[in-house]
Amino acid sequence: MEEQQIYIVKTFHDLFKLYDDLATGKIKAKYLVVGGLLNVCEEDRPEYVYVLSSTLSFVELLVFADVGPLEETRKMEKYCDEVVTA
């Protein structure tokens, strides 16, 4: 069984630390699953998505996983290549 890693980002600085850890190989990940973007105000989401998208240089797949009201989750679709809803 492979080791599971959870990295909690509470600030934009934490997000850049995650990026740096991936870029320098301190953290190795095949997939990066991100939740909680619905909790980030709409005006700030593009900045978070931009930094997260740049991690695709270090991971194979980036997944945004958010649970919330349909009208809120639809706002995330503009950042995604593929959308899965349930």
Protein backbone atom coordinates (compact mmCIF):
# COMPACT_ATOMS: atom_id res chain seq x y z
CA MET A 1 0.00 0.00 0.00
CA GLU A 2 1.35 3.42 -0.93
CA GLU A 3 1.69 6.24 1.58
CA GLN A 4 -1.15 8.76 1.45
CA GLN A 5 -0.37 12.46 1.76
CA ILE A 6 -2.68 15.27 2.68
CA TYR A 7 -1.39 18.81 2.36
CA ILE A 8 -3.64 21.48 3.85
CA VAL A 9 -3.48 24.91 2.25
CA LYS A 10 -4.86 27.66 4.47
CA THR A 11 -3.18 30.67 2.83
CA PHE A 12 -1.88 31.67 -0.57
CA HIS A 13 1.63 31.33 0.90
CA ASP A 14 0.84 27.67 1.73
CA LEU A 15 -0.14 27.16 -1.90
CA PHE A 16 3.22 28.45 -3.12
CA LYS A 17 4.97 26.22 -0.55
CA LEU A 18 3.10 23.24 -2.02
CA TYR A 19 4.17 24.27 -5.51
CA ASP A 20 7.79 24.63 -4.38
CA ASP A 21 7.72 21.24 -2.64
CA LEU A 22 6.44 19.61 -5.84
CA ALA A 23 8.93 21.48 -8.02
CA THR A 24 11.92 20.55 -5.87
CA GLY A 25 10.83 16.94 -5.42
CA LYS A 26 10.26 17.21 -1.66
CA ILE A 27 6.75 15.94 -2.37
CA LYS A 28 6.12 13.45 -5.14
CA ALA A 29 2.58 12.92 -6.36
CA LYS A 30 1.00 11.25 -9.34
CA TYR A 31 -2.35 12.93 -8.74
CA LEU A 32 -3.25 16.20 -7.03
CA VAL A 33 -6.83 16.35 -5.78
CA VAL A 34 -7.95 19.78 -4.62
CA GLY A 35 -11.08 20.55 -2.63
CA GLY A 36 -12.35 23.68 -0.99
CA LEU A 37 -12.15 26.10 -3.90
CA LEU A 38 -15.81 26.96 -3.36
CA ASN A 39 -14.67 28.45 -0.04
CA VAL A 40 -12.35 30.85 -1.87
CA CYS A 41 -14.06 34.06 -2.94
CA GLU A 42 -14.91 34.17 -6.64
CA GLU A 43 -12.47 37.02 -7.35
CA ASP A 44 -9.52 35.07 -5.89
CA ARG A 45 -10.24 31.69 -7.53
CA PRO A 46 -8.41 32.43 -10.81
CA GLU A 47 -5.16 33.03 -8.91
CA TYR A 48 -5.47 29.73 -7.03
CA VAL A 49 -6.42 27.85 -10.20
CA TYR A 50 -3.46 29.38 -12.07
CA VAL A 51 -0.95 28.22 -9.45
CA LEU A 52 -2.63 24.82 -9.15
CA SER A 53 -2.65 24.39 -12.93
CA SER A 54 1.08 25.04 -13.04
CA THR A 55 1.56 21.93 -10.86
CA LEU A 56 0.71 19.88 -13.96
CA SER A 57 4.42 20.09 -14.73
CA PHE A 58 4.98 17.81 -11.72
CA VAL A 59 1.83 15.67 -11.48
CA GLU A 60 -0.08 13.62 -14.06
CA LEU A 61 -3.58 14.68 -13.14
CA LEU A 62 -5.10 17.66 -11.32
CA VAL A 63 -8.62 17.16 -9.98
CA PHE A 64 -10.84 19.87 -8.50
CA ALA A 65 -13.34 18.13 -6.22
CA ASP A 66 -15.97 20.34 -4.66
CA VAL A 67 -19.31 19.60 -3.10
CA GLY A 68 -21.92 22.32 -2.93
CA PRO A 69 -25.02 23.77 -4.49
CA LEU A 70 -25.26 23.10 -8.22
CA GLU A 71 -25.15 26.79 -9.16
CA GLU A 72 -21.92 27.20 -7.16
CA THR A 73 -20.20 24.10 -8.51
CA ARG A 74 -21.07 25.15 -12.07
CA LYS A 75 -18.95 28.27 -11.54
CA MET A 76 -15.91 25.96 -11.36
CA GLU A 77 -16.59 24.39 -14.78
CA LYS A 78 -14.84 27.21 -16.64
CA TYR A 79 -11.54 26.04 -15.13
CA CYS A 80 -11.94 22.38 -16.13
CA ASP A 81 -11.29 20.33 -19.24
CA GLU A 82 -13.76 17.67 -18.10
CA VAL A 83 -16.62 17.86 -15.60
CA VAL A 84 -18.17 14.96 -13.70
CA THR A 85 -21.30 15.60 -11.64
CA ALA A 86 -23.31 13.29 -9.46
